[in-house]
Amino acid sequence: MRLILAAALLFATAASAAPKAPDEVLKASPKSDWHRLDPADLLVMQLKTGRVVIALVPGFAPRTVGNIKKLAHSGYFSKGAAIIRSQDNYVVQWARDPEPKSTGGWIEFERGPSTTFHALKDPDTYAPQAGFDGDFPAASDGKTEWLVHCYGVVGAGRDLKPDTGDGAELYAVTGQAPRHLDRNITVVGRVVQGMDLLSSLPRGAGAMGFYDKPAQHMPILFTGIASEMPAKDQPRLEALTTASRSFAAYVEARRNRAGPFFIRPAGRIDVCNIPLPVRPLSP
C-alpha cells in the first residue's frame, strides 16, 4: 500500500512539474509582468486593409527615429507614400512615390554595451551572445550591442554608402530572419500589430521584389505617432516585459515545447524564434 501511495505521489509530482505550453505561460502571467507600449514611440500606419503599428526604438537609433517622427508629424508618409516592394521571403518596403533622393543619414548600426541586455543561454550563429534588450531582440560581442533582423523588425533603407539611411524609406522583415543585415543597416523598431497585413501582400515581379507597375503600389492613407492622435484612436497595447520571470518561463516553454505533438523537444532556441507577446491593454 505504501508503495502504491509513493508511486501515486511521484506521478502527481511529475504531472504538476510537466512543462507548460507557451500559451499557458502567458495565460498564467501576472499583470505586473506586462508593460504598456509608450504611445510616444508608436508609429501608426493606416492601409486600406487595416492598421500597422510599429514600436520605435530611440534608445538604439535616436537620430534616425527622431527624423522618422519629424517626417510623420509633417505628413511626409501620408502624402504620396506607398508600399513599393514585397520580396518573397525577405522584406516589404515603403517610401514616398516616387522614391526620394537620399539627403544623407546616420550610421546607427550598433552602440556600446548595455546593462539592460539579457543574453540567452543558447548559442547564436551570428554573434557571441543573443538575447533581448527591452522589447527588442539584440546581440552583443561584449564591446558593442546591436538589434537583430528577426521577423517583423523594421529598418531604415539606405543606398550603398552606409550613411544614407535617414528613415525616409522603411522596410519590415517578412521572411526568414536575414541576420546578414545585422550591423549593416539601422534598425528603428519592430511591428507589434498588423504584421499579417504586410506579410500577405502580393509579391513584386520586378527586381528584388519591387512592383514594376505603379498601379500595384499599396497606398499609405495615414502615418502618425500614436501620442499625437486623438485618445480614442490611439493603439492601447502592452507587451510582456522581457526581464520578467514570466518571459523567462515563456522562453523556456518555447525552448522545450511540450504536449503530445512534440516527440523530441529541441532543448535550445534561436532569438528570432521568440516572438514578443503583445496584447491589447486590459482595463
C-alpha atoms as a PDB file:
ATOM      1  CA  MET A   1       0.000   0.000   0.000  1.00  0.00           C
ATOM      2  CA  ARG A   2       2.860   2.325   0.864  1.00  0.00           C
ATOM      3  CA  LEU A   3       4.487   1.606  -2.492  1.00  0.00           C
ATOM      4  CA  ILE A   4       1.240   2.405  -4.283  1.00  0.00           C
ATOM      5  CA  LEU A   5       0.876   5.681  -2.378  1.00  0.00           C
ATOM      6  CA  ALA A   6       4.504   6.596  -3.052  1.00  0.00           C
ATOM      7  CA  ALA A   7       4.084   5.844  -6.747  1.00  0.00           C
ATOM      8  CA  ALA A   8       0.891   7.898  -6.882  1.00  0.00           C
ATOM      9  CA  LEU A   9       2.622  10.812  -5.154  1.00  0.00           C
ATOM     10  CA  LEU A  10       5.579  10.600  -7.540  1.00  0.00           C
ATOM     11  CA  PHE A  11       3.224  10.571 -10.532  1.00  0.00           C
ATOM     12  CA  ALA A  12       1.300  13.565  -9.224  1.00  0.00           C
ATOM     13  CA  THR A  13       4.526  15.481  -8.612  1.00  0.00           C
ATOM     14  CA  ALA A  14       5.788  14.709 -12.106  1.00  0.00           C
ATOM     15  CA  ALA A  15       2.471  15.748 -13.618  1.00  0.00           C
ATOM     16  CA  SER A  16       2.482  19.048 -11.753  1.00  0.00           C
ATOM     17  CA  ALA A  17       6.059  19.694 -12.870  1.00  0.00           C
ATOM     18  CA  ALA A  18       5.301  18.990 -16.519  1.00  0.00           C
ATOM     19  CA  PRO A  19       6.469  21.888 -18.681  1.00  0.00           C
ATOM     20  CA  LYS A  20       3.779  24.315 -19.760  1.00  0.00           C
ATOM     21  CA  ALA A  21       2.995  25.344 -23.301  1.00  0.00           C
ATOM     22  CA  PRO A  22       3.867  28.961 -24.225  1.00  0.00           C
ATOM     23  CA  ASP A  23       0.197  29.984 -24.265  1.00  0.00           C
ATOM     24  CA  GLU A  24      -0.249  28.530 -20.778  1.00  0.00           C
ATOM     25  CA  VAL A  25       2.679  30.586 -19.509  1.00  0.00           C
ATOM     26  CA  LEU A  26       1.186  33.766 -20.938  1.00  0.00           C
ATOM     27  CA  LYS A  27      -2.233  32.983 -19.512  1.00  0.00           C
ATOM     28  CA  ALA A  28      -0.743  32.496 -16.040  1.00  0.00           C
ATOM     29  CA  SER A  29       1.479  35.592 -16.163  1.00  0.00           C
ATOM     30  CA  PRO A  30       0.611  38.334 -13.656  1.00  0.00           C
ATOM     31  CA  LYS A  31      -0.374  41.802 -14.810  1.00  0.00           C
ATOM     32  CA  SER A  32       2.786  43.146 -13.192  1.00  0.00           C
ATOM     33  CA  ASP A  33       4.910  41.295 -15.764  1.00  0.00           C
ATOM     34  CA  TRP A  34       3.411  43.348 -18.599  1.00  0.00           C
ATOM     35  CA  HIS A  35       4.008  46.992 -19.524  1.00  0.00           C
ATOM     36  CA  ARG A  36       2.258  49.470 -21.752  1.00  0.00           C
ATOM     37  CA  LEU A  37       3.935  50.388 -25.021  1.00  0.00           C
ATOM     38  CA  ASP A  38       4.624  54.125 -24.919  1.00  0.00           C
ATOM     39  CA  PRO A  39       2.345  55.963 -27.418  1.00  0.00           C
ATOM     40  CA  ALA A  40       5.170  58.469 -27.999  1.00  0.00           C
ATOM     41  CA  ASP A  41       7.217  55.656 -29.561  1.00  0.00           C
ATOM     42  CA  LEU A  42       4.472  54.001 -31.614  1.00  0.00           C
ATOM     43  CA  LEU A  43       4.317  54.714 -35.345  1.00  0.00           C
ATOM     44  CA  VAL A  44       0.829  54.069 -36.717  1.00  0.00           C
ATOM     45  CA  MET A  45       0.448  53.341 -40.430  1.00  0.00           C
ATOM     46  CA  GLN A  46      -3.042  53.068 -41.902  1.00  0.00           C
ATOM     47  CA  LEU A  47      -3.539  50.963 -45.022  1.00  0.00           C
ATOM     48  CA  LYS A  48      -6.805  50.349 -46.791  1.00  0.00           C
ATOM     49  CA  THR A  49      -6.684  46.828 -45.384  1.00  0.00           C
ATOM     50  CA  GLY A  50      -6.118  47.861 -41.760  1.00  0.00           C
ATOM     51  CA  ARG A  51      -3.648  49.371 -39.316  1.00  0.00           C
ATOM     52  CA  VAL A  52       0.022  48.558 -38.785  1.00  0.00           C
ATOM     53  CA  VAL A  53       1.648  49.632 -35.508  1.00  0.00           C
ATOM     54  CA  ILE A  54       5.429  49.857 -35.168  1.00  0.00           C
ATOM     55  CA  ALA A  55       7.238  50.205 -31.845  1.00  0.00           C
ATOM     56  CA  LEU A  56      10.186  52.538 -32.421  1.00  0.00           C
ATOM     57  CA  VAL A  57      13.484  52.225 -30.554  1.00  0.00           C
ATOM     58  CA  PRO A  58      15.043  55.657 -29.934  1.00  0.00           C
ATOM     59  CA  GLY A  59      17.485  54.139 -27.443  1.00  0.00           C
ATOM     60  CA  PHE A  60      19.332  52.431 -30.283  1.00  0.00           C
ATOM     61  CA  ALA A  61      18.781  54.852 -33.169  1.00  0.00           C
ATOM     62  CA  PRO A  62      18.000  58.270 -31.658  1.00  0.00           C
ATOM     63  CA  ARG A  63      18.736  60.395 -34.730  1.00  0.00           C
ATOM     64  CA  THR A  64      17.027  58.141 -37.249  1.00  0.00           C
ATOM     65  CA  VAL A  65      13.981  57.604 -35.051  1.00  0.00           C
ATOM     66  CA  GLY A  66      13.864  61.323 -34.330  1.00  0.00           C
ATOM     67  CA  ASN A  67      13.780  62.028 -38.054  1.00  0.00           C
ATOM     68  CA  ILE A  68      11.059  59.432 -38.621  1.00  0.00           C
ATOM     69  CA  LYS A  69       8.938  61.186 -36.004  1.00  0.00           C
ATOM     70  CA  LYS A  70       9.518  64.543 -37.703  1.00  0.00           C
ATOM     71  CA  LEU A  71       8.570  63.072 -41.080  1.00  0.00           C
ATOM     72  CA  ALA A  72       5.432  61.509 -39.634  1.00  0.00           C
ATOM     73  CA  HIS A  73       4.483  64.760 -37.879  1.00  0.00           C
ATOM     74  CA  SER A  74       4.908  66.728 -41.114  1.00  0.00           C
ATOM     75  CA  GLY A  75       2.680  64.327 -43.047  1.00  0.00           C
ATOM     76  CA  TYR A  76       5.550  63.053 -45.184  1.00  0.00           C
ATOM     77  CA  PHE A  77       4.366  59.439 -45.055  1.00  0.00           C
ATOM     78  CA  SER A  78       0.749  60.448 -45.656  1.00  0.00           C
ATOM     79  CA  LYS A  79       1.258  62.313 -48.934  1.00  0.00           C
ATOM     80  CA  GLY A  80       2.047  60.014 -51.810  1.00  0.00           C
ATOM     81  CA  ALA A  81       3.616  57.327 -49.637  1.00  0.00           C
ATOM     82  CA  ALA A  82       3.088  53.710 -50.606  1.00  0.00           C
ATOM     83  CA  ILE A  83       4.376  50.185 -50.194  1.00  0.00           C
ATOM     84  CA  ILE A  84       6.530  49.776 -53.268  1.00  0.00           C
ATOM     85  CA  ARG A  85       8.220  46.426 -52.689  1.00  0.00           C
ATOM     86  CA  SER A  86       7.308  42.971 -51.455  1.00  0.00           C
ATOM     87  CA  GLN A  87      10.113  40.479 -51.940  1.00  0.00           C
ATOM     88  CA  ASP A  88       9.333  36.843 -51.228  1.00  0.00           C
ATOM     89  CA  ASN A  89      10.904  35.529 -48.013  1.00  0.00           C
ATOM     90  CA  TYR A  90      12.611  38.855 -47.381  1.00  0.00           C
ATOM     91  CA  VAL A  91      11.083  42.304 -46.829  1.00  0.00           C
ATOM     92  CA  VAL A  92       8.242  44.720 -47.536  1.00  0.00           C
ATOM     93  CA  GLN A  93       9.391  48.281 -48.182  1.00  0.00           C
ATOM     94  CA  TRP A  94       7.614  51.627 -48.272  1.00  0.00           C
ATOM     95  CA  ALA A  95       8.522  55.201 -49.192  1.00  0.00           C
ATOM     96  CA  ARG A  96       7.225  58.266 -50.971  1.00  0.00           C
ATOM     97  CA  ASP A  97       6.189  57.578 -54.555  1.00  0.00           C
ATOM     98  CA  PRO A  98       8.364  58.356 -56.439  1.00  0.00           C
ATOM     99  CA  GLU A  99      11.200  57.414 -54.129  1.00  0.00           C
ATOM    100  CA  PRO A 100      13.032  60.403 -52.640  1.00  0.00           C
ATOM    101  CA  LYS A 101      16.669  61.077 -53.331  1.00  0.00           C
ATOM    102  CA  SER A 102      18.679  60.493 -50.186  1.00  0.00           C
ATOM    103  CA  THR A 103      19.932  63.649 -48.492  1.00  0.00           C
ATOM    104  CA  GLY A 104      22.158  61.779 -46.065  1.00  0.00           C
ATOM    105  CA  GLY A 105      21.536  59.970 -42.827  1.00  0.00           C
ATOM    106  CA  TRP A 106      23.272  58.365 -39.898  1.00  0.00           C
ATOM    107  CA  ILE A 107      25.157  55.192 -39.100  1.00  0.00           C
ATOM    108  CA  GLU A 108      23.363  53.830 -36.046  1.00  0.00           C
ATOM    109  CA  PHE A 109      24.080  50.165 -36.608  1.00  0.00           C
ATOM    110  CA  GLU A 110      25.322  49.416 -33.083  1.00  0.00           C
ATOM    111  CA  ARG A 111      26.016  51.038 -29.717  1.00  0.00           C
ATOM    112  CA  GLY A 112      28.019  50.394 -26.579  1.00  0.00           C
ATOM    113  CA  PRO A 113      27.140  47.504 -24.255  1.00  0.00           C
ATOM    114  CA  SER A 114      24.123  47.983 -22.006  1.00  0.00           C
ATOM    115  CA  THR A 115      23.157  46.680 -18.579  1.00  0.00           C
ATOM    116  CA  THR A 116      19.635  46.127 -19.916  1.00  0.00           C
ATOM    117  CA  PHE A 117      20.791  43.431 -22.347  1.00  0.00           C
ATOM    118  CA  HIS A 118      19.793  39.938 -21.220  1.00  0.00           C
ATOM    119  CA  ALA A 119      21.514  37.131 -23.101  1.00  0.00           C
ATOM    120  CA  LEU A 120      20.001  33.737 -23.802  1.00  0.00           C
ATOM    121  CA  LYS A 121      21.949  30.675 -22.695  1.00  0.00           C
ATOM    122  CA  ASP A 122      21.651  29.306 -26.227  1.00  0.00           C
ATOM    123  CA  PRO A 123      24.469  29.681 -28.777  1.00  0.00           C
ATOM    124  CA  ASP A 124      23.947  32.069 -31.690  1.00  0.00           C
ATOM    125  CA  THR A 125      25.338  31.673 -35.196  1.00  0.00           C
ATOM    126  CA  TYR A 126      25.920  35.373 -35.851  1.00  0.00           C
ATOM    127  CA  ALA A 127      27.105  36.722 -32.509  1.00  0.00           C
ATOM    128  CA  PRO A 128      28.829  35.619 -29.295  1.00  0.00           C
ATOM    129  CA  GLN A 129      25.570  36.357 -27.459  1.00  0.00           C
ATOM    130  CA  ALA A 130      21.973  36.967 -28.457  1.00  0.00           C
ATOM    131  CA  GLY A 131      19.002  37.857 -26.307  1.00  0.00           C
ATOM    132  CA  PHE A 132      16.747  40.813 -25.590  1.00  0.00           C
ATOM    133  CA  ASP A 133      17.158  44.445 -24.673  1.00  0.00           C
ATOM    134  CA  GLY A 134      13.799  45.815 -23.671  1.00  0.00           C
ATOM    135  CA  ASP A 135      11.216  44.842 -26.287  1.00  0.00           C
ATOM    136  CA  PHE A 136      13.773  44.075 -28.974  1.00  0.00           C
ATOM    137  CA  PRO A 137      15.897  41.082 -29.999  1.00  0.00           C
ATOM    138  CA  ALA A 138      19.544  42.052 -29.681  1.00  0.00           C
ATOM    139  CA  ALA A 139      23.066  40.669 -29.864  1.00  0.00           C
ATOM    140  CA  SER A 140      26.410  41.556 -28.345  1.00  0.00           C
ATOM    141  CA  ASP A 141      30.103  40.791 -28.580  1.00  0.00           C
ATOM    142  CA  GLY A 142      30.801  42.275 -25.158  1.00  0.00           C
ATOM    143  CA  LYS A 143      32.097  45.521 -26.648  1.00  0.00           C
ATOM    144  CA  THR A 144      29.118  46.591 -28.722  1.00  0.00           C
ATOM    145  CA  GLU A 145      25.420  45.756 -28.908  1.00  0.00           C
ATOM    146  CA  TRP A 146      23.058  45.762 -31.869  1.00  0.00           C
ATOM    147  CA  LEU A 147      19.484  44.893 -32.807  1.00  0.00           C
ATOM    148  CA  VAL A 148      18.990  41.827 -34.966  1.00  0.00           C
ATOM    149  CA  HIS A 149      16.873  41.262 -38.048  1.00  0.00           C
ATOM    150  CA  CYS A 150      14.095  38.964 -36.869  1.00  0.00           C
ATOM    151  CA  TYR A 151      10.660  38.630 -38.448  1.00  0.00           C
ATOM    152  CA  GLY A 152       8.763  41.901 -38.073  1.00  0.00           C
ATOM    153  CA  VAL A 153      11.826  44.050 -37.395  1.00  0.00           C
ATOM    154  CA  VAL A 154      11.790  47.439 -39.158  1.00  0.00           C
ATOM    155  CA  GLY A 155      14.879  49.087 -40.609  1.00  0.00           C
ATOM    156  CA  ALA A 156      15.833  52.254 -42.475  1.00  0.00           C
ATOM    157  CA  GLY A 157      16.573  51.589 -46.141  1.00  0.00           C
ATOM    158  CA  ARG A 158      19.824  53.024 -47.475  1.00  0.00           C
ATOM    159  CA  ASP A 159      21.963  53.301 -50.609  1.00  0.00           C
ATOM    160  CA  LEU A 160      25.453  51.816 -50.937  1.00  0.00           C
ATOM    161  CA  LYS A 161      27.008  54.463 -48.712  1.00  0.00           C
ATOM    162  CA  PRO A 162      26.382  53.498 -45.082  1.00  0.00           C
ATOM    163  CA  ASP A 163      25.278  56.985 -44.006  1.00  0.00           C
ATOM    164  CA  THR A 164      22.414  57.341 -46.497  1.00  0.00           C
ATOM    165  CA  GLY A 165      19.593  55.893 -44.376  1.00  0.00           C
ATOM    166  CA  ASP A 166      17.587  58.668 -42.710  1.00  0.00           C
ATOM    167  CA  GLY A 167      14.248  56.894 -42.201  1.00  0.00           C
ATOM    168  CA  ALA A 168      12.583  58.295 -45.313  1.00  0.00           C
ATOM    169  CA  GLU A 169      12.370  54.715 -46.623  1.00  0.00           C
ATOM    170  CA  LEU A 170      11.478  51.893 -44.266  1.00  0.00           C
ATOM    171  CA  TYR A 171      11.197  48.135 -44.571  1.00  0.00           C
ATOM    172  CA  ALA A 172       9.856  45.311 -42.436  1.00  0.00           C
ATOM    173  CA  VAL A 173      11.240  41.775 -42.455  1.00  0.00           C
ATOM    174  CA  THR A 174       8.551  39.418 -43.755  1.00  0.00           C
ATOM    175  CA  GLY A 175      10.611  36.279 -44.314  1.00  0.00           C
ATOM    176  CA  GLN A 176      13.227  34.124 -42.676  1.00  0.00           C
ATOM    177  CA  ALA A 177      15.436  36.278 -40.458  1.00  0.00           C
ATOM    178  CA  PRO A 178      18.097  37.946 -42.699  1.00  0.00           C
ATOM    179  CA  ARG A 179      20.717  38.155 -39.982  1.00  0.00           C
ATOM    180  CA  HIS A 180      23.399  39.069 -42.522  1.00  0.00           C
ATOM    181  CA  LEU A 181      21.886  42.573 -42.430  1.00  0.00           C
ATOM    182  CA  ASP A 182      22.779  42.966 -38.745  1.00  0.00           C
ATOM    183  CA  ARG A 183      25.168  45.905 -38.192  1.00  0.00           C
ATOM    184  CA  ASN A 184      24.808  46.905 -41.847  1.00  0.00           C
ATOM    185  CA  ILE A 185      21.518  48.814 -41.616  1.00  0.00           C
ATOM    186  CA  THR A 186      19.970  50.912 -38.875  1.00  0.00           C
ATOM    187  CA  VAL A 187      17.155  49.069 -37.114  1.00  0.00           C
ATOM    188  CA  VAL A 188      14.477  51.515 -35.974  1.00  0.00           C
ATOM    189  CA  GLY A 189      11.777  49.296 -34.477  1.00  0.00           C
ATOM    190  CA  ARG A 190       9.523  46.290 -34.856  1.00  0.00           C
ATOM    191  CA  VAL A 191       5.944  45.684 -35.940  1.00  0.00           C
ATOM    192  CA  VAL A 192       3.774  44.963 -32.903  1.00  0.00           C
ATOM    193  CA  GLN A 193       0.371  44.896 -34.623  1.00  0.00           C
ATOM    194  CA  GLY A 194      -0.783  44.290 -38.193  1.00  0.00           C
ATOM    195  CA  MET A 195       2.128  42.152 -39.345  1.00  0.00           C
ATOM    196  CA  ASP A 196      -0.306  39.940 -41.235  1.00  0.00           C
ATOM    197  CA  LEU A 197      -1.235  42.911 -43.450  1.00  0.00           C
ATOM    198  CA  LEU A 198       2.369  43.226 -44.619  1.00  0.00           C
ATOM    199  CA  SER A 199       3.327  39.571 -44.928  1.00  0.00           C
ATOM    200  CA  SER A 200       0.264  38.762 -47.049  1.00  0.00           C
ATOM    201  CA  LEU A 201       0.882  41.420 -49.714  1.00  0.00           C
ATOM    202  CA  PRO A 202       1.305  40.186 -53.306  1.00  0.00           C
ATOM    203  CA  ARG A 203       4.951  39.681 -54.234  1.00  0.00           C
ATOM    204  CA  GLY A 204       6.502  42.162 -56.638  1.00  0.00           C
ATOM    205  CA  ALA A 205       7.580  40.847 -60.026  1.00  0.00           C
ATOM    206  CA  GLY A 206      10.372  43.378 -60.528  1.00  0.00           C
ATOM    207  CA  ALA A 207      13.989  43.105 -59.411  1.00  0.00           C
ATOM    208  CA  MET A 208      14.299  42.493 -55.646  1.00  0.00           C
ATOM    209  CA  GLY A 209      10.532  42.320 -55.357  1.00  0.00           C
ATOM    210  CA  PHE A 210       9.768  45.898 -56.385  1.00  0.00           C
ATOM    211  CA  TYR A 211       6.386  46.387 -58.012  1.00  0.00           C
ATOM    212  CA  ASP A 212       7.008  47.078 -61.692  1.00  0.00           C
ATOM    213  CA  LYS A 213       3.703  48.897 -62.181  1.00  0.00           C
ATOM    214  CA  PRO A 214       2.654  51.954 -60.132  1.00  0.00           C
ATOM    215  CA  ALA A 215      -0.890  50.584 -60.029  1.00  0.00           C
ATOM    216  CA  GLN A 216       0.416  47.750 -57.842  1.00  0.00           C
ATOM    217  CA  HIS A 217       1.623  50.110 -55.121  1.00  0.00           C
ATOM    218  CA  MET A 218      -0.281  49.904 -51.825  1.00  0.00           C
ATOM    219  CA  PRO A 219      -1.149  53.486 -50.824  1.00  0.00           C
ATOM    220  CA  ILE A 220      -0.493  54.518 -47.239  1.00  0.00           C
ATOM    221  CA  LEU A 221      -3.520  56.507 -46.140  1.00  0.00           C
ATOM    222  CA  PHE A 222      -2.046  57.929 -42.950  1.00  0.00           C
ATOM    223  CA  THR A 223       1.072  57.671 -40.823  1.00  0.00           C
ATOM    224  CA  GLY A 224       1.457  59.311 -37.445  1.00  0.00           C
ATOM    225  CA  ILE A 225       2.802  58.996 -33.918  1.00  0.00           C
ATOM    226  CA  ALA A 226       0.221  57.485 -31.565  1.00  0.00           C
ATOM    227  CA  SER A 227       0.645  60.142 -28.882  1.00  0.00           C
ATOM    228  CA  GLU A 228      -0.290  62.833 -31.416  1.00  0.00           C
ATOM    229  CA  MET A 229      -3.532  61.096 -32.363  1.00  0.00           C
ATOM    230  CA  PRO A 230      -6.890  61.602 -30.614  1.00  0.00           C
ATOM    231  CA  ALA A 231      -7.031  59.447 -27.477  1.00  0.00           C
ATOM    232  CA  LYS A 232      -9.881  57.344 -28.864  1.00  0.00           C
ATOM    233  CA  ASP A 233      -7.803  56.433 -31.926  1.00  0.00           C
ATOM    234  CA  GLN A 234      -4.560  55.604 -30.172  1.00  0.00           C
ATOM    235  CA  PRO A 235      -3.497  51.944 -30.067  1.00  0.00           C
ATOM    236  CA  ARG A 236      -3.528  50.675 -26.490  1.00  0.00           C
ATOM    237  CA  LEU A 237      -1.077  47.805 -26.349  1.00  0.00           C
ATOM    238  CA  GLU A 238       1.018  46.084 -23.720  1.00  0.00           C
ATOM    239  CA  ALA A 239       3.965  43.720 -24.057  1.00  0.00           C
ATOM    240  CA  LEU A 240       5.398  41.061 -21.797  1.00  0.00           C
ATOM    241  CA  THR A 241       8.442  42.525 -20.055  1.00  0.00           C
ATOM    242  CA  THR A 242      11.481  40.622 -21.298  1.00  0.00           C
ATOM    243  CA  ALA A 243      13.251  40.940 -17.922  1.00  0.00           C
ATOM    244  CA  SER A 244      10.322  39.306 -16.077  1.00  0.00           C
ATOM    245  CA  ARG A 245      10.015  35.788 -14.695  1.00  0.00           C
ATOM    246  CA  SER A 246       7.069  35.172 -16.996  1.00  0.00           C
ATOM    247  CA  PHE A 247       9.188  35.964 -20.050  1.00  0.00           C
ATOM    248  CA  ALA A 248      11.911  33.598 -18.823  1.00  0.00           C
ATOM    249  CA  ALA A 249       9.283  30.884 -18.422  1.00  0.00           C
ATOM    250  CA  TYR A 250       7.892  31.739 -21.864  1.00  0.00           C
ATOM    251  CA  VAL A 251      11.344  31.347 -23.431  1.00  0.00           C
ATOM    252  CA  GLU A 252      11.844  28.014 -21.670  1.00  0.00           C
ATOM    253  CA  ALA A 253       8.436  26.824 -22.865  1.00  0.00           C
ATOM    254  CA  ARG A 254       9.399  27.659 -26.458  1.00  0.00           C
ATOM    255  CA  ARG A 255      12.857  26.121 -25.990  1.00  0.00           C
ATOM    256  CA  ASN A 256      11.352  22.820 -24.826  1.00  0.00           C
ATOM    257  CA  ARG A 257       7.975  22.548 -26.481  1.00  0.00           C
ATOM    258  CA  ALA A 258       5.659  20.220 -24.578  1.00  0.00           C
ATOM    259  CA  GLY A 259       2.457  18.423 -25.473  1.00  0.00           C
ATOM    260  CA  PRO A 260       1.518  15.337 -27.462  1.00  0.00           C
ATOM    261  CA  PHE A 261       2.680  16.758 -30.804  1.00  0.00           C
ATOM    262  CA  PHE A 262       6.329  17.310 -29.827  1.00  0.00           C
ATOM    263  CA  ILE A 263       8.163  13.999 -29.647  1.00  0.00           C
ATOM    264  CA  ARG A 264      11.630  15.470 -29.179  1.00  0.00           C
ATOM    265  CA  PRO A 265      11.865  18.991 -27.716  1.00  0.00           C
ATOM    266  CA  ALA A 266      14.712  20.970 -29.280  1.00  0.00           C
ATOM    267  CA  GLY A 267      16.311  21.924 -25.967  1.00  0.00           C
ATOM    268  CA  ARG A 268      17.589  25.190 -27.406  1.00  0.00           C
ATOM    269  CA  ILE A 269      16.209  28.180 -29.240  1.00  0.00           C
ATOM    270  CA  ASP A 270      17.130  30.946 -31.649  1.00  0.00           C
ATOM    271  CA  VAL A 271      16.465  34.533 -30.603  1.00  0.00           C
ATOM    272  CA  CYS A 272      14.319  35.056 -33.697  1.00  0.00           C
ATOM    273  CA  ASN A 273      12.085  32.162 -32.671  1.00  0.00           C
ATOM    274  CA  ILE A 274      10.887  34.099 -29.617  1.00  0.00           C
ATOM    275  CA  PRO A 275       8.163  36.497 -30.729  1.00  0.00           C
ATOM    276  CA  LEU A 276       7.410  39.309 -28.308  1.00  0.00           C
ATOM    277  CA  PRO A 277       3.992  38.692 -26.714  1.00  0.00           C
ATOM    278  CA  VAL A 278       1.826  41.784 -27.316  1.00  0.00           C
ATOM    279  CA  ARG A 279      -1.857  42.156 -26.476  1.00  0.00           C
ATOM    280  CA  PRO A 280      -4.492  44.870 -26.157  1.00  0.00           C
ATOM    281  CA  LEU A 281      -4.096  46.764 -22.932  1.00  0.00           C
ATOM    282  CA  SER A 282      -6.530  45.465 -20.365  1.00  0.00           C
ATOM    283  CA  PRO A 283      -8.546  47.940 -18.272  1.00  0.00           C
END
